[in-house]
Amino acid sequence: MTVSEAGSRTVGREATSREDMCPHRLVLEHVTSRWGVLVLIQLLERSYRFSELRRAIGRVSEKMLTQTLQTLERDGLVHRDARPVIPPRVDYSLTDLGREAAEQVRSLARWTERRLEDVQEARRAYDEARTP
């Protein structure tokens, strides 16, 4: 066994162990991750090709978007439709489960938009109270 194989097995065991310990928490982390939230909300509009989705979200690296989509696909929230055409076409869309999760995340995002001024005021009060 090479060092690389040993390392990947360790990572695999750690990931499996983490899932076994608290699987619902792991799904929550996926859904509420920085890019997971944005992917889910964006896919509520329609299906997207990878490059379209990346442009729509903005400031996400190709690697992070790929990892996020794979994670959400594994969790059953995103559907990847690869069509055998030239050039290859891959579309991403929400599954029924993903649509349900995305609606919840969008509600939270809308709440933050509505209450942002209150949060900012609370931050100012907090900071002022701690400034000598």
N, C-alpha and C. Protein backbone atom coordinates (compact mmCIF):
# COMPACT_ATOMS: atom_id res chain seq x y z
N MET A 1 0.85 -1.17 0.00
CA MET A 1 0.00 0.00 0.00
C MET A 1 0.89 1.24 0.00
N THR A 2 0.54 2.20 -0.88
CA THR A 2 1.31 3.44 -0.95
C THR A 2 0.84 4.39 0.12
N VAL A 3 1.64 5.43 0.34
CA VAL A 3 1.26 6.46 1.31
C VAL A 3 -0.05 7.10 0.88
N SER A 4 -0.20 7.33 -0.42
CA SER A 4 -1.42 7.93 -0.94
C SER A 4 -2.64 7.05 -0.65
N GLU A 5 -2.50 5.73 -0.87
CA GLU A 5 -3.61 4.82 -0.60
C GLU A 5 -3.94 4.80 0.88
N ALA A 6 -2.92 4.79 1.72
CA ALA A 6 -3.15 4.79 3.17
C ALA A 6 -3.86 6.06 3.59
N GLY A 7 -3.44 7.20 3.02
CA GLY A 7 -4.07 8.47 3.35
C GLY A 7 -5.52 8.51 2.94
N SER A 8 -5.82 8.00 1.74
CA SER A 8 -7.20 8.03 1.28
C SER A 8 -8.07 7.09 2.10
N ARG A 9 -7.51 5.98 2.58
CA ARG A 9 -8.28 5.08 3.43
C ARG A 9 -8.56 5.72 4.78
N THR A 10 -7.60 6.46 5.30
CA THR A 10 -7.81 7.14 6.57
C THR A 10 -8.91 8.19 6.42
N VAL A 11 -8.84 8.97 5.34
CA VAL A 11 -9.86 9.98 5.10
C VAL A 11 -11.22 9.32 4.97
N GLY A 12 -11.28 8.22 4.24
CA GLY A 12 -12.54 7.49 4.08
C GLY A 12 -13.10 7.01 5.41
N ARG A 13 -12.21 6.47 6.29
CA ARG A 13 -12.66 6.02 7.61
C ARG A 13 -13.15 7.19 8.45
N GLU A 14 -12.43 8.33 8.38
CA GLU A 14 -12.84 9.50 9.14
C GLU A 14 -14.20 10.00 8.66
N ALA A 15 -14.40 10.04 7.34
CA ALA A 15 -15.67 10.50 6.80
C ALA A 15 -16.79 9.55 7.20
N THR A 16 -16.55 8.24 7.10
CA THR A 16 -17.56 7.26 7.48
C THR A 16 -17.86 7.37 8.97
N SER A 17 -16.83 7.50 9.79
CA SER A 17 -17.02 7.64 11.22
C SER A 17 -17.83 8.88 11.54
N ARG A 18 -17.54 9.95 10.88
CA ARG A 18 -18.26 11.21 11.10
C ARG A 18 -19.73 11.05 10.75
N GLU A 19 -20.03 10.39 9.63
CA GLU A 19 -21.41 10.17 9.22
C GLU A 19 -22.14 9.28 10.21
N ASP A 20 -21.45 8.26 10.72
CA ASP A 20 -22.07 7.34 11.67
C ASP A 20 -22.42 8.03 12.99
N MET A 21 -21.58 8.98 13.39
CA MET A 21 -21.78 9.64 14.68
C MET A 21 -22.99 10.56 14.66
N CYS A 22 -23.19 11.33 13.61
CA CYS A 22 -24.25 12.32 13.61
C CYS A 22 -24.68 12.63 12.18
N PRO A 23 -25.37 11.70 11.52
CA PRO A 23 -25.67 11.89 10.10
C PRO A 23 -26.56 13.10 9.80
N HIS A 24 -27.52 13.40 10.67
CA HIS A 24 -28.39 14.55 10.38
C HIS A 24 -27.62 15.86 10.47
N ARG A 25 -26.64 15.92 11.35
CA ARG A 25 -25.82 17.12 11.48
C ARG A 25 -24.96 17.33 10.24
N LEU A 26 -24.48 16.24 9.67
CA LEU A 26 -23.67 16.32 8.46
C LEU A 26 -24.50 16.85 7.29
N VAL A 27 -25.73 16.39 7.15
CA VAL A 27 -26.61 16.88 6.09
C VAL A 27 -26.89 18.37 6.31
N LEU A 28 -27.12 18.75 7.55
CA LEU A 28 -27.34 20.17 7.86
C LEU A 28 -26.13 21.01 7.46
N GLU A 29 -24.93 20.49 7.71
CA GLU A 29 -23.72 21.20 7.31
C GLU A 29 -23.66 21.35 5.79
N HIS A 30 -24.04 20.33 5.06
CA HIS A 30 -24.02 20.39 3.60
C HIS A 30 -25.00 21.42 3.08
N VAL A 31 -26.21 21.39 3.62
CA VAL A 31 -27.27 22.29 3.16
C VAL A 31 -26.97 23.74 3.51
N THR A 32 -26.37 23.97 4.68
CA THR A 32 -26.13 25.33 5.13
C THR A 32 -24.70 25.81 4.92
N SER A 33 -23.92 25.05 4.18
CA SER A 33 -22.55 25.49 3.89
C SER A 33 -22.59 26.75 3.02
N ARG A 34 -21.48 27.45 2.99
CA ARG A 34 -21.41 28.70 2.23
C ARG A 34 -21.91 28.52 0.80
N TRP A 35 -21.42 27.53 0.11
CA TRP A 35 -21.78 27.33 -1.29
C TRP A 35 -23.05 26.49 -1.43
N GLY A 36 -23.31 25.61 -0.48
CA GLY A 36 -24.53 24.79 -0.53
C GLY A 36 -25.78 25.65 -0.54
N VAL A 37 -25.82 26.65 0.31
CA VAL A 37 -26.96 27.56 0.38
C VAL A 37 -27.17 28.23 -0.97
N LEU A 38 -26.11 28.77 -1.54
CA LEU A 38 -26.23 29.51 -2.80
C LEU A 38 -26.61 28.60 -3.96
N VAL A 39 -26.07 27.39 -3.99
CA VAL A 39 -26.42 26.43 -5.04
C VAL A 39 -27.90 26.07 -4.94
N LEU A 40 -28.35 25.73 -3.76
CA LEU A 40 -29.75 25.34 -3.59
C LEU A 40 -30.70 26.47 -3.98
N ILE A 41 -30.42 27.67 -3.51
CA ILE A 41 -31.31 28.80 -3.84
C ILE A 41 -31.31 29.07 -5.34
N GLN A 42 -30.14 29.03 -5.97
CA GLN A 42 -30.06 29.29 -7.40
C GLN A 42 -30.81 28.24 -8.21
N LEU A 43 -30.68 26.97 -7.81
CA LEU A 43 -31.34 25.90 -8.55
C LEU A 43 -32.85 25.89 -8.37
N LEU A 44 -33.36 26.68 -7.42
CA LEU A 44 -34.82 26.81 -7.30
C LEU A 44 -35.41 27.46 -8.55
N GLU A 45 -34.63 28.32 -9.21
CA GLU A 45 -35.11 29.02 -10.40
C GLU A 45 -35.32 28.08 -11.58
N ARG A 46 -34.30 27.23 -11.82
CA ARG A 46 -34.31 26.34 -12.99
C ARG A 46 -33.08 25.45 -12.94
N SER A 47 -32.95 24.57 -13.93
CA SER A 47 -31.73 23.77 -14.02
C SER A 47 -30.65 24.63 -14.68
N TYR A 48 -29.41 24.32 -14.35
CA TYR A 48 -28.27 25.07 -14.86
C TYR A 48 -27.20 24.13 -15.34
N ARG A 49 -26.46 24.57 -16.36
CA ARG A 49 -25.21 23.92 -16.71
C ARG A 49 -24.18 24.42 -15.72
N PHE A 50 -23.08 23.68 -15.58
CA PHE A 50 -22.06 24.00 -14.59
C PHE A 50 -21.57 25.44 -14.71
N SER A 51 -21.17 25.82 -15.91
CA SER A 51 -20.61 27.17 -16.10
C SER A 51 -21.64 28.26 -15.85
N GLU A 52 -22.89 28.01 -16.22
CA GLU A 52 -23.97 28.97 -15.94
C GLU A 52 -24.16 29.15 -14.44
N LEU A 53 -24.16 28.02 -13.73
CA LEU A 53 -24.35 28.05 -12.29
C LEU A 53 -23.20 28.78 -11.62
N ARG A 54 -22.01 28.52 -12.08
CA ARG A 54 -20.83 29.19 -11.51
C ARG A 54 -20.91 30.70 -11.70
N ARG A 55 -21.31 31.13 -12.88
CA ARG A 55 -21.47 32.57 -13.14
C ARG A 55 -22.59 33.16 -12.30
N ALA A 56 -23.70 32.44 -12.18
CA ALA A 56 -24.85 32.95 -11.43
C ALA A 56 -24.52 33.12 -9.94
N ILE A 57 -23.73 32.20 -9.40
CA ILE A 57 -23.36 32.27 -7.99
C ILE A 57 -22.26 33.30 -7.79
N GLY A 58 -21.26 33.29 -8.65
CA GLY A 58 -20.16 34.24 -8.56
C GLY A 58 -19.18 33.91 -7.45
N ARG A 59 -17.91 34.20 -7.72
CA ARG A 59 -16.83 34.07 -6.74
C ARG A 59 -16.65 32.69 -6.14
N VAL A 60 -17.11 31.65 -6.81
CA VAL A 60 -16.89 30.28 -6.35
C VAL A 60 -15.90 29.63 -7.30
N SER A 61 -14.92 28.94 -6.74
CA SER A 61 -13.95 28.26 -7.60
C SER A 61 -14.60 27.04 -8.23
N GLU A 62 -14.02 26.61 -9.33
CA GLU A 62 -14.50 25.42 -10.02
C GLU A 62 -14.47 24.21 -9.07
N LYS A 63 -13.36 24.10 -8.33
CA LYS A 63 -13.19 22.99 -7.40
C LYS A 63 -14.27 22.98 -6.32
N MET A 64 -14.54 24.14 -5.73
CA MET A 64 -15.54 24.20 -4.65
C MET A 64 -16.94 23.92 -5.17
N LEU A 65 -17.26 24.44 -6.35
CA LEU A 65 -18.58 24.19 -6.91
C LEU A 65 -18.73 22.71 -7.24
N THR A 66 -17.70 22.11 -7.79
CA THR A 66 -17.74 20.67 -8.10
C THR A 66 -17.96 19.87 -6.83
N GLN A 67 -17.19 20.17 -5.78
CA GLN A 67 -17.33 19.44 -4.51
C GLN A 67 -18.72 19.63 -3.92
N THR A 68 -19.22 20.86 -3.97
CA THR A 68 -20.55 21.15 -3.41
C THR A 68 -21.62 20.38 -4.16
N LEU A 69 -21.56 20.41 -5.48
CA LEU A 69 -22.55 19.69 -6.28
C LEU A 69 -22.49 18.19 -6.03
N GLN A 70 -21.28 17.64 -5.94
CA GLN A 70 -21.15 16.20 -5.66
C GLN A 70 -21.72 15.85 -4.30
N THR A 71 -21.46 16.67 -3.31
CA THR A 71 -21.97 16.42 -1.96
C THR A 71 -23.50 16.47 -1.95
N LEU A 72 -24.06 17.49 -2.58
CA LEU A 72 -25.52 17.63 -2.62
C LEU A 72 -26.16 16.53 -3.46
N GLU A 73 -25.46 16.09 -4.49
CA GLU A 73 -25.96 14.97 -5.30
C GLU A 73 -25.96 13.69 -4.47
N ARG A 74 -24.90 13.47 -3.73
CA ARG A 74 -24.79 12.28 -2.88
C ARG A 74 -25.89 12.26 -1.82
N ASP A 75 -26.24 13.43 -1.30
CA ASP A 75 -27.29 13.53 -0.30
C ASP A 75 -28.69 13.44 -0.90
N GLY A 76 -28.77 13.37 -2.23
CA GLY A 76 -30.07 13.22 -2.89
C GLY A 76 -30.79 14.54 -3.11
N LEU A 77 -30.07 15.65 -3.03
CA LEU A 77 -30.69 16.96 -3.17
C LEU A 77 -30.56 17.53 -4.58
N VAL A 78 -29.52 17.13 -5.28
CA VAL A 78 -29.25 17.63 -6.63
C VAL A 78 -29.20 16.46 -7.59
N HIS A 79 -29.77 16.67 -8.77
CA HIS A 79 -29.73 15.67 -9.84
C HIS A 79 -28.76 16.15 -10.91
N ARG A 80 -27.86 15.27 -11.31
CA ARG A 80 -26.88 15.56 -12.37
C ARG A 80 -27.31 14.80 -13.61
N ASP A 81 -27.60 15.53 -14.67
CA ASP A 81 -28.05 14.92 -15.92
C ASP A 81 -26.96 15.11 -16.97
N ALA A 82 -26.18 14.04 -17.21
CA ALA A 82 -25.10 14.08 -18.20
C ALA A 82 -25.62 13.50 -19.51
N ARG A 83 -25.61 14.32 -20.55
CA ARG A 83 -26.11 13.89 -21.86
C ARG A 83 -24.95 13.58 -22.79
N PRO A 84 -25.01 12.44 -23.45
CA PRO A 84 -23.90 12.03 -24.33
C PRO A 84 -23.98 12.71 -25.70
N VAL A 85 -23.74 14.00 -25.70
CA VAL A 85 -23.71 14.76 -26.95
C VAL A 85 -22.34 15.40 -27.09
N ILE A 86 -22.08 15.96 -28.26
CA ILE A 86 -20.80 16.64 -28.47
C ILE A 86 -21.10 18.11 -28.72
N PRO A 87 -20.57 19.02 -27.95
CA PRO A 87 -19.78 18.77 -26.74
C PRO A 87 -20.68 18.22 -25.63
N PRO A 88 -20.07 17.54 -24.64
CA PRO A 88 -20.86 16.97 -23.55
C PRO A 88 -21.70 18.04 -22.84
N ARG A 89 -22.89 17.68 -22.42
CA ARG A 89 -23.77 18.61 -21.73
C ARG A 89 -24.17 17.99 -20.40
N VAL A 90 -23.94 18.74 -19.33
CA VAL A 90 -24.33 18.30 -17.99
C VAL A 90 -25.19 19.39 -17.38
N ASP A 91 -26.38 19.02 -16.95
CA ASP A 91 -27.29 19.95 -16.30
C ASP A 91 -27.50 19.52 -14.86
N TYR A 92 -27.66 20.51 -14.00
CA TYR A 92 -27.92 20.27 -12.58
C TYR A 92 -29.28 20.84 -12.24
N SER A 93 -30.04 20.07 -11.47
CA SER A 93 -31.36 20.51 -11.03
C SER A 93 -31.61 19.95 -9.64
N LEU A 94 -32.67 20.43 -9.03
CA LEU A 94 -33.03 19.94 -7.70
C LEU A 94 -33.92 18.71 -7.80
N THR A 95 -33.74 17.79 -6.90
CA THR A 95 -34.67 16.68 -6.74
C THR A 95 -35.83 17.22 -5.90
N ASP A 96 -36.85 16.41 -5.69
CA ASP A 96 -37.95 16.84 -4.83
C ASP A 96 -37.44 17.13 -3.42
N LEU A 97 -36.56 16.28 -2.94
CA LEU A 97 -35.96 16.48 -1.62
C LEU A 97 -35.14 17.77 -1.60
N GLY A 98 -34.40 18.01 -2.66
CA GLY A 98 -33.60 19.22 -2.76
C GLY A 98 -34.45 20.48 -2.83
N ARG A 99 -35.56 20.40 -3.54
CA ARG A 99 -36.48 21.55 -3.62
C ARG A 99 -37.03 21.89 -2.23
N GLU A 100 -37.37 20.86 -1.48
CA GLU A 100 -37.88 21.08 -0.11
C GLU A 100 -36.81 21.75 0.76
N ALA A 101 -35.59 21.25 0.68
CA ALA A 101 -34.49 21.85 1.46
C ALA A 101 -34.22 23.28 1.00
N ALA A 102 -34.22 23.49 -0.31
CA ALA A 102 -33.94 24.82 -0.86
C ALA A 102 -34.98 25.84 -0.43
N GLU A 103 -36.22 25.43 -0.37
CA GLU A 103 -37.28 26.35 0.09
C GLU A 103 -37.02 26.79 1.53
N GLN A 104 -36.58 25.85 2.37
CA GLN A 104 -36.28 26.18 3.76
C GLN A 104 -35.10 27.14 3.85
N VAL A 105 -34.06 26.86 3.08
CA VAL A 105 -32.87 27.71 3.08
C VAL A 105 -33.22 29.09 2.54
N ARG A 106 -34.04 29.15 1.50
CA ARG A 106 -34.44 30.45 0.94
C ARG A 106 -35.24 31.26 1.95
N SER A 107 -36.06 30.59 2.74
CA SER A 107 -36.81 31.30 3.79
C SER A 107 -35.86 31.94 4.79
N LEU A 108 -34.83 31.21 5.17
CA LEU A 108 -33.84 31.74 6.10
C LEU A 108 -33.09 32.92 5.46
N ALA A 109 -32.74 32.80 4.19
CA ALA A 109 -32.05 33.88 3.48
C ALA A 109 -32.93 35.12 3.42
N ARG A 110 -34.20 34.95 3.16
CA ARG A 110 -35.13 36.09 3.12
C ARG A 110 -35.26 36.74 4.49
N TRP A 111 -35.28 35.92 5.53
CA TRP A 111 -35.34 36.46 6.89
C TRP A 111 -34.12 37.33 7.17
N THR A 112 -32.94 36.85 6.77
CA THR A 112 -31.73 37.65 7.01
C THR A 112 -31.78 38.98 6.26
N GLU A 113 -32.35 38.96 5.06
CA GLU A 113 -32.49 40.21 4.31
C GLU A 113 -33.44 41.18 5.04
N ARG A 114 -34.56 40.65 5.52
CA ARG A 114 -35.55 41.49 6.21
C ARG A 114 -35.01 42.04 7.53
N ARG A 115 -34.22 41.25 8.24
CA ARG A 115 -33.78 41.63 9.58
C ARG A 115 -32.34 42.12 9.66
N LEU A 116 -31.72 42.36 8.52
CA LEU A 116 -30.31 42.76 8.50
C LEU A 116 -30.07 44.03 9.31
N GLU A 117 -30.92 45.03 9.18
CA GLU A 117 -30.73 46.27 9.94
C GLU A 117 -30.74 46.00 11.44
N ASP A 118 -31.63 45.13 11.90
CA ASP A 118 -31.69 44.79 13.33
C ASP A 118 -30.41 44.10 13.79
N VAL A 119 -29.89 43.22 12.95
CA VAL A 119 -28.65 42.53 13.28
C VAL A 119 -27.50 43.53 13.34
N GLN A 120 -27.44 44.42 12.37
CA GLN A 120 -26.38 45.42 12.35
C GLN A 120 -26.45 46.34 13.57
N GLU A 121 -27.64 46.70 13.97
CA GLU A 121 -27.81 47.54 15.16
C GLU A 121 -27.37 46.78 16.41
N ALA A 122 -27.70 45.52 16.49
CA ALA A 122 -27.27 44.70 17.63
C ALA A 122 -25.76 44.60 17.67
N ARG A 123 -25.13 44.47 16.52
CA ARG A 123 -23.66 44.42 16.47
C ARG A 123 -23.05 45.73 16.95
N ARG A 124 -23.62 46.86 16.49
CA ARG A 124 -23.10 48.17 16.93
C ARG A 124 -23.22 48.31 18.44
N ALA A 125 -24.37 47.94 19.00
CA ALA A 125 -24.58 48.04 20.45
C ALA A 125 -23.60 47.14 21.20
N TYR A 126 -23.40 45.96 20.70
CA TYR A 126 -22.46 45.02 21.32
C TYR A 126 -21.06 45.60 21.31
N ASP A 127 -20.62 46.09 20.14
CA ASP A 127 -19.27 46.63 20.01
C ASP A 127 -19.08 47.87 20.88
N GLU A 128 -20.08 48.75 20.92
CA GLU A 128 -19.97 49.95 21.74
C GLU A 128 -19.89 49.62 23.22
N ALA A 129 -20.61 48.61 23.63
CA ALA A 129 -20.60 48.23 25.05
C ALA A 129 -19.26 47.66 25.47
N ARG A 130 -18.48 47.17 24.53
CA ARG A 130 -17.19 46.57 24.84
C ARG A 130 -15.99 47.44 24.51
N THR A 131 -16.26 48.63 23.99
CA THR A 131 -15.18 49.56 23.66
C THR A 131 -14.85 50.40 24.89
N PRO A 132 -13.57 50.40 25.30
CA PRO A 132 -13.20 51.16 26.50
C PRO A 132 -13.30 52.67 26.30
